[in-house]
Protein backbone atom coordinates (compact mmCIF):
# COMPACT_ATOMS: atom_id res chain seq x y z
CA MET A 1 0.00 0.00 0.00
CA SER A 2 1.28 3.48 -0.85
CA THR A 3 -0.02 6.98 -0.31
CA GLY A 4 1.99 8.28 -3.23
CA LEU A 5 4.08 10.60 -1.06
CA GLU A 6 7.50 11.24 -2.59
CA ILE A 7 9.47 11.30 0.65
CA SER A 8 13.27 11.37 0.55
CA ARG A 9 15.20 8.55 2.13
CA VAL A 10 17.46 9.74 4.94
CA ARG A 11 20.64 9.21 2.92
CA GLU A 12 19.44 11.77 0.38
CA TRP A 13 19.83 14.61 2.88
CA LEU A 14 22.43 12.89 5.08
CA PRO A 15 24.82 11.24 2.57
CA GLN A 16 27.38 10.33 5.25
CA LEU A 17 24.87 7.95 6.85
CA ASN A 18 26.26 4.39 6.86
CA ASN A 19 24.28 2.95 9.78
CA PRO A 20 20.84 3.53 11.30
CA LEU A 21 20.21 7.22 11.93
CA LEU A 22 21.28 8.20 15.45
CA ILE A 23 20.44 11.65 16.77
CA ALA A 24 21.90 12.46 20.21
CA GLY A 25 22.38 15.41 22.51
CA PRO A 26 20.98 17.08 25.61
CA CYS A 27 17.30 17.40 26.39
CA SER A 28 18.01 21.12 26.90
CA LEU A 29 20.92 23.32 25.92
CA GLU A 30 21.81 24.96 29.22
CA SER A 31 25.03 26.79 28.35
CA GLU A 32 27.48 27.01 25.48
CA GLU A 33 30.02 25.09 27.56
CA GLN A 34 27.58 22.25 28.24
CA ALA A 35 26.52 22.09 24.57
CA LEU A 36 30.08 21.99 23.25
CA ALA A 37 31.38 19.55 25.87
CA THR A 38 28.58 17.10 25.07
CA ALA A 39 28.92 17.56 21.32
CA ARG A 40 32.69 17.01 21.35
CA MET A 41 32.29 13.70 23.13
CA LEU A 42 29.41 12.56 20.91
CA ALA A 43 31.31 13.49 17.74
CA ARG A 44 33.99 10.94 18.64
CA ASP A 45 31.44 8.17 18.13
CA HIS A 46 30.92 7.82 14.38
CA ARG A 47 27.55 6.19 14.97
CA VAL A 48 26.15 9.63 15.92
CA PHE A 49 25.07 11.56 12.82
CA VAL A 50 23.07 14.52 14.17
CA PHE A 51 23.45 16.57 17.35
CA ARG A 52 20.19 17.52 19.04
CA GLY A 53 19.54 20.16 21.67
CA GLY A 54 16.39 21.67 23.12
CA VAL A 55 16.25 25.45 22.76
CA TRP A 56 12.63 26.08 23.69
CA LYS A 57 11.20 23.58 26.16
CA PRO A 58 7.39 23.49 26.28
CA ARG A 59 6.52 22.28 29.78
CA THR A 60 3.22 20.96 31.01
CA ARG A 61 3.14 23.49 33.86
CA PRO A 62 4.97 26.81 34.24
CA GLY A 63 7.76 27.38 36.70
CA SER A 64 10.30 24.78 35.57
CA PHE A 65 13.20 25.34 33.19
CA GLU A 66 11.84 26.22 29.75
CA GLY A 67 15.05 26.50 27.77
CA MET A 68 17.48 29.30 26.99
CA GLY A 69 15.65 30.51 23.89
CA SER A 70 17.11 31.91 20.70
CA VAL A 71 20.57 32.52 22.18
CA ALA A 72 21.08 28.74 22.22
CA LEU A 73 20.67 28.62 18.44
CA ARG A 74 24.10 30.25 18.20
CA TRP A 75 25.51 27.45 20.33
CA LEU A 76 24.14 24.93 17.84
CA GLN A 77 25.86 26.84 15.05
CA THR A 78 29.14 26.63 16.98
CA VAL A 79 28.65 22.89 17.53
CA ARG A 80 28.24 22.36 13.79
CA GLU A 81 31.28 24.51 12.96
CA GLU A 82 33.49 22.71 15.46
CA THR A 83 32.33 19.08 15.11
CA GLY A 84 30.91 18.95 11.58
CA LEU A 85 27.72 17.34 12.90
CA PRO A 86 24.39 18.58 11.53
CA VAL A 87 22.32 20.09 14.33
CA GLY A 88 18.63 19.96 15.20
CA THR A 89 16.09 21.36 17.62
CA GLU A 90 12.37 21.31 18.37
CA VAL A 91 10.14 24.08 17.06
CA ALA A 92 6.74 24.60 18.66
CA ASN A 93 5.37 27.53 16.68
CA ALA A 94 5.97 29.75 13.65
CA THR A 95 8.32 32.11 15.51
CA HIS A 96 10.57 29.26 16.64
CA THR A 97 10.66 27.98 13.09
CA GLU A 98 11.60 31.35 11.63
CA GLU A 99 14.38 31.75 14.19
CA ALA A 100 15.75 28.25 13.58
CA LEU A 101 15.78 28.73 9.79
CA LYS A 102 17.47 32.10 10.18
CA HIS A 103 20.27 30.40 12.13
CA GLY A 104 20.60 27.64 9.54
CA ILE A 105 19.56 24.78 11.82
CA ASP A 106 19.72 21.58 9.78
CA VAL A 107 16.92 19.54 11.34
CA LEU A 108 13.66 20.77 12.85
CA TRP A 109 11.22 18.57 14.68
CA ILE A 110 7.64 19.13 15.69
CA GLY A 111 6.99 17.92 19.23
CA ALA A 112 4.15 15.74 20.47
CA ARG A 113 2.12 18.62 21.89
CA SER A 114 2.45 20.60 18.67
CA THR A 115 1.54 17.62 16.47
CA ALA A 116 -1.73 17.42 18.39
CA SER A 117 -2.75 20.85 17.03
CA PRO A 118 -3.38 21.08 13.26
CA PHE A 119 -3.33 24.89 13.62
CA VAL A 120 0.22 24.86 15.01
CA VAL A 121 1.43 22.33 12.45
CA GLN A 122 0.00 24.42 9.63
CA GLU A 123 1.73 27.56 10.92
CA ILE A 124 5.05 25.70 10.99
CA ALA A 125 4.41 24.25 7.53
CA ASP A 126 3.72 27.73 6.16
CA VAL A 127 7.09 28.95 7.46
CA VAL A 128 9.14 26.06 6.00
CA ARG A 129 7.32 26.28 2.66
CA GLY A 130 9.79 26.84 -0.16
CA THR A 131 12.82 25.72 1.87
CA ASP A 132 14.89 22.54 1.77
CA ALA A 133 14.38 21.94 5.48
CA VAL A 134 14.49 18.55 7.15
CA VAL A 135 11.34 18.25 9.26
CA MET A 136 10.68 15.46 11.73
CA VAL A 137 7.23 14.90 13.18
CA LYS A 138 6.74 13.27 16.56
CA ASN A 139 3.54 11.38 17.27
CA PRO A 140 0.85 13.33 19.15
CA VAL A 141 0.56 12.80 22.90
CA ASN A 142 -2.47 10.54 22.43
CA PRO A 143 -2.54 7.57 20.03
CA ASP A 144 -4.43 9.40 17.29
CA LEU A 145 -3.01 8.04 14.04
CA GLN A 146 -4.99 10.46 11.90
CA LEU A 147 -3.47 13.45 13.70
CA TRP A 148 0.02 12.06 13.17
CA MET A 149 -0.61 11.38 9.49
CA GLY A 150 -2.30 14.75 9.08
CA ALA A 151 0.72 16.57 10.48
CA ILE A 152 3.02 14.73 8.06
CA GLU A 153 0.70 15.56 5.18
CA ARG A 154 0.60 19.25 6.10
CA VAL A 155 4.39 19.42 6.05
CA TYR A 156 4.47 17.49 2.78
CA ARG A 157 1.93 19.83 1.15
CA ALA A 158 4.24 22.71 2.03
CA GLY A 159 6.72 21.21 -0.42
CA ILE A 160 8.96 19.52 2.15
CA ARG A 161 10.31 16.14 1.02
CA HIS A 162 12.86 15.52 3.77
CA ILE A 163 10.43 14.17 6.38
CA VAL A 164 10.95 11.68 9.22
CA ALA A 165 8.37 10.43 11.73
CA ILE A 166 9.46 10.01 15.36
CA HIS A 167 7.82 7.52 17.70
CA ARG A 168 8.10 8.90 21.25
CA GLY A 169 5.24 7.05 22.93
CA PHE A 170 1.85 8.18 24.19
CA THR A 171 0.54 9.62 27.44
CA PRO A 172 -0.59 6.68 29.60
CA PHE A 173 -3.99 6.60 31.29
CA GLY A 174 -2.61 5.14 34.50
CA GLU A 175 0.57 3.92 36.16
CA THR A 176 2.93 2.23 33.71
CA LYS A 177 6.48 0.96 33.69
CA TYR A 178 7.51 3.63 31.21
CA ARG A 179 7.07 7.40 31.16
CA ASN A 180 5.05 7.07 27.94
CA TYR A 181 3.20 4.03 26.65
CA PRO A 182 4.94 2.64 23.51
CA ASN A 183 1.78 1.39 21.75
CA TRP A 184 3.78 -0.18 18.91
CA GLN A 185 0.58 -1.00 17.04
CA THR A 186 0.11 2.67 16.14
CA VAL A 187 3.62 2.76 14.69
CA ILE A 188 2.92 -0.40 12.69
CA GLU A 189 -0.22 1.22 11.27
CA LEU A 190 1.67 4.39 10.33
CA ARG A 191 4.26 2.33 8.48
CA ARG A 192 1.53 0.33 6.74
CA LEU A 193 -0.40 3.42 5.64
CA MET A 194 2.64 5.63 4.93
CA PRO A 195 5.40 3.20 3.92
CA GLU A 196 7.37 5.99 2.23
CA VAL A 197 7.97 7.86 5.51
CA PRO A 198 11.12 6.89 7.46
CA VAL A 199 10.33 6.22 11.13
CA ILE A 200 12.78 6.47 14.03
CA CYS A 201 12.26 5.97 17.76
CA ASP A 202 12.81 8.29 20.73
CA PRO A 203 13.54 5.79 23.56
CA SER A 204 14.31 8.62 26.01
CA HIS A 205 10.74 9.91 26.11
CA ILE A 206 9.19 6.45 26.07
CA ALA A 207 11.40 5.09 28.84
CA GLY A 208 11.68 8.11 31.12
CA LYS A 209 14.51 6.32 32.96
CA ARG A 210 17.98 5.30 31.84
CA GLU A 211 17.53 1.66 32.84
CA TYR A 212 14.80 1.14 30.22
CA LEU A 213 16.53 2.78 27.27
CA TYR A 214 18.22 -0.36 25.96
CA GLU A 215 15.07 -2.50 25.86
CA ILE A 216 13.12 0.22 24.04
CA ALA A 217 15.95 0.89 21.58
CA GLN A 218 16.36 -2.82 20.81
CA LYS A 219 12.60 -3.19 20.37
CA ALA A 220 12.68 -0.33 17.86
CA PHE A 221 15.30 -2.12 15.77
CA ASP A 222 13.44 -5.42 16.14
CA MET A 223 10.39 -3.64 14.69
CA GLY A 224 12.42 -2.39 11.72
CA LEU A 225 12.58 1.29 12.64
CA GLU A 226 15.34 3.24 10.91
CA GLY A 227 17.06 4.97 13.80
CA LEU A 228 16.99 6.48 17.27
CA MET A 229 16.89 9.86 18.96
CA ILE A 230 18.49 9.52 22.40
CA GLU A 231 19.14 12.26 24.92
CA SER A 232 22.75 12.55 26.06
CA HIS A 233 24.22 15.05 28.52
CA VAL A 234 27.83 15.51 29.61
CA ASP A 235 26.64 15.29 33.24
CA PRO A 236 23.02 14.12 33.55
CA SER A 237 23.01 14.57 37.32
CA CYS A 238 23.19 18.34 36.77
CA ALA A 239 20.67 18.48 33.90
CA LEU A 240 17.98 21.14 34.24
CA SER A 241 15.36 18.94 32.56
CA ASP A 242 14.70 15.19 32.30
CA LYS A 243 17.90 14.17 34.09
CA GLU A 244 16.67 10.63 34.76
CA GLN A 245 16.38 9.70 31.09
CA GLN A 246 19.68 11.11 29.81
CA LEU A 247 22.93 9.20 29.29
CA THR A 248 26.49 10.42 29.31
CA PRO A 249 28.11 10.11 25.85
CA ALA A 250 30.25 7.26 27.24
CA ASP A 251 27.19 5.35 28.49
CA LEU A 252 25.44 6.00 25.19
CA GLY A 253 28.36 4.32 23.45
CA LEU A 254 28.03 1.28 25.71
CA LEU A 255 24.30 1.07 24.96
CA LEU A 256 24.97 1.23 21.21
CA ASP A 257 27.54 -1.55 21.55
CA ARG A 258 24.84 -3.86 22.91
CA LEU A 259 22.22 -3.17 20.24
CA VAL A 260 21.62 -5.68 17.47
CA ILE A 261 20.70 -4.04 14.19
CA ARG A 262 18.01 -5.94 12.30
CA HIS A 263 17.57 -5.95 8.52
CA GLN A 264 14.52 -6.13 6.28
CA SER A 265 15.90 -9.20 4.51
CA ALA A 266 18.80 -11.65 4.65
CA ALA A 267 21.35 -12.40 1.93
CA ASN A 268 20.56 -16.08 2.31
CA PRO A 269 18.36 -17.95 -0.22
CA LEU A 270 17.66 -20.74 2.29
CA PHE A 271 16.32 -18.20 4.77
CA ASP A 272 14.05 -16.67 2.13
CA ASN A 273 12.76 -20.11 1.06
CA GLN A 274 12.01 -21.22 4.61
CA LEU A 275 10.41 -17.87 5.43
CA GLU A 276 8.11 -18.27 2.42
CA VAL A 277 7.11 -21.77 3.57
CA LEU A 278 6.23 -20.47 7.04
CA ARG A 279 4.34 -17.48 5.64
CA ASN A 280 2.29 -19.77 3.41
CA ARG A 281 1.33 -21.77 6.49
CA ILE A 282 0.25 -18.56 8.23
CA ASP A 283 -1.81 -17.56 5.19
CA ALA A 284 -3.62 -20.91 5.26
CA LEU A 285 -4.26 -20.66 9.01
CA ASP A 286 -5.54 -17.10 8.65
CA LYS A 287 -8.02 -18.31 6.04
CA GLU A 288 -9.21 -20.98 8.46
CA LEU A 289 -9.48 -18.43 11.26
CA LEU A 290 -11.68 -16.15 9.17
CA GLU A 291 -13.86 -19.07 8.08
CA VAL A 292 -14.30 -20.13 11.72
CA LEU A 293 -15.14 -16.56 12.78
CA SER A 294 -17.68 -16.33 9.96
CA SER A 295 -19.32 -19.54 11.16
CA ARG A 296 -19.32 -18.20 14.71
CA MET A 297 -21.13 -15.04 13.61
CA ASP A 298 -23.74 -17.14 11.78
CA ILE A 299 -24.51 -18.78 15.11
CA VAL A 300 -24.57 -15.33 16.78
CA ARG A 301 -27.28 -14.31 14.28
CA GLU A 302 -29.32 -17.41 15.16
CA ILE A 303 -29.00 -16.53 18.85
CA GLY A 304 -30.05 -12.94 18.08
CA ARG A 305 -33.22 -14.11 16.32
CA TYR A 306 -33.97 -16.54 19.15
CA LYS A 307 -33.55 -13.81 21.77
CA ARG A 308 -35.75 -11.49 19.74
CA GLU A 309 -38.55 -14.06 19.54
CA ASN A 310 -38.37 -14.54 23.30
CA ASN A 311 -37.96 -10.83 24.13
CA VAL A 312 -34.51 -11.27 25.74
CA THR A 313 -31.76 -8.64 25.82
CA ALA A 314 -28.82 -8.85 23.45
CA LEU A 315 -26.26 -8.39 26.24
CA GLN A 316 -26.12 -11.14 28.88
CA ILE A 317 -23.52 -9.84 31.33
CA ASN A 318 -23.19 -13.05 33.36
CA ARG A 319 -22.63 -15.09 30.21
CA TRP A 320 -20.06 -12.53 29.04
CA ALA A 321 -18.15 -12.64 32.32
CA GLN A 322 -18.08 -16.45 32.32
CA LEU A 323 -17.03 -16.56 28.65
CA MET A 324 -14.10 -14.21 29.29
CA GLU A 325 -12.94 -16.25 32.26
CA ASP A 326 -13.17 -19.53 30.34
CA ARG A 327 -11.47 -18.22 27.20
CA THR A 328 -8.67 -16.55 29.16
CA GLN A 329 -7.90 -19.77 31.04
CA LEU A 330 -8.01 -21.79 27.82
CA GLY A 331 -5.72 -19.25 26.16
CA LYS A 332 -3.18 -19.65 28.96
CA LYS A 333 -3.19 -23.43 28.49
CA LEU A 334 -2.56 -22.86 24.78
CA ASN A 335 0.38 -20.54 25.54
CA LEU A 336 -1.42 -17.35 24.50
CA ALA A 337 -0.83 -14.10 26.37
CA GLU A 338 -3.71 -13.23 28.69
CA ALA A 339 -3.89 -9.63 27.39
CA PHE A 340 -4.10 -10.88 23.80
CA THR A 341 -6.93 -13.30 24.57
CA LYS A 342 -8.89 -10.64 26.44
CA VAL A 343 -8.56 -8.07 23.66
CA LEU A 344 -9.45 -10.64 21.00
CA PHE A 345 -12.62 -11.82 22.72
CA GLN A 346 -13.58 -8.29 23.73
CA MET A 347 -13.67 -7.41 20.02
CA ILE A 348 -15.52 -10.60 19.11
CA HIS A 349 -18.09 -10.04 21.83
CA GLU A 350 -18.63 -6.39 20.96
CA ASP A 351 -19.36 -7.33 17.36
CA SER A 352 -21.62 -10.17 18.49
CA VAL A 353 -23.69 -7.74 20.58
CA ARG A 354 -23.77 -5.30 17.65
CA ILE A 355 -25.12 -8.01 15.32
CA GLN A 356 -27.79 -9.12 17.79
CA THR A 357 -28.82 -5.51 18.51
CA GLU A 358 -29.20 -4.81 14.78
CA ILE A 359 -31.44 -7.88 14.44
CA MET A 360 -33.66 -6.58 17.25
CA ASP A 361 -33.67 -2.99 15.93
CA HIS A 362 -34.63 -4.23 12.47
CA THR A 363 -37.62 -6.06 13.92
CA ASN A 364 -38.69 -3.02 15.94
CA GLY A 365 -38.61 -0.94 12.78
CA GLU A 366 -41.02 -3.33 11.06
CA ARG A 367 -43.67 -3.02 13.78
């Protein structure tokens, strides 16, 4: 499936790229000394291709450090001059974008809060129109795929072809292990619907803590994402924002050493042949699954008509509770994850109730 977007591959605007794209640098640029010290250390690792640094820091509530503002753009210019690394920063409105372009910043990214507002995205798109800017778009704070796609499309319609999507996780509804819920399914859907758009991962904002960065970064590569944006600070203990999720450049290097880079295919004909055999088996099983589900829904329709004739409600909550308990226990015996079984049968049951309700509504309309 293709949307027809003519998006540049990363190597077209970053020809020196010879590995997955890695963007690293402090959450916030706090001083010129801090920016340069971090950049010098990161530049020694040839796996780092872009230096990042927050200039304006949109915070949920006022009173905490909100960045140094436009003065820090000059520090990014100095970093590029001294290290040769392209530099990038977040822009949250049209003014930020104008300032960043005026200072020749190589990479701009639209943050999660900004992506959630089509008005803000359009203002930024209007500013970059007619330029050769590289624009990265983070997912919105909530798992709204249409908002994410819409933001990418707005930037694209402004004539920008150097576009990258960034997966940084979603605001959780309750207590979770990570700062932001990964919700990989939304990323899979974006890649399915917009296969032309490169996607990288921001493990720092998903994890929220250093100890979880590796597992998120490895998961990103296991899922076939094309790179990482990781926050790195010369001394995280003194960071003015998000100190718990930042790594020293040395620790970042150790993390990168552990990562296994996955590939879309293998240069091994035997692998390809065996993979095709296994995929054919999955295709056959999927066909059987759909046929079984179709037969199940035929029985649901019979039940709906029987309930209608006897004036019984479509939803039987006791039956539903017992069904969920039985199916979950059976799923465990069959080595299926409990969460998967629950979600699967929740969807099946919801559609079963919908079918039975429609049967009853149809009858009521005939009376």
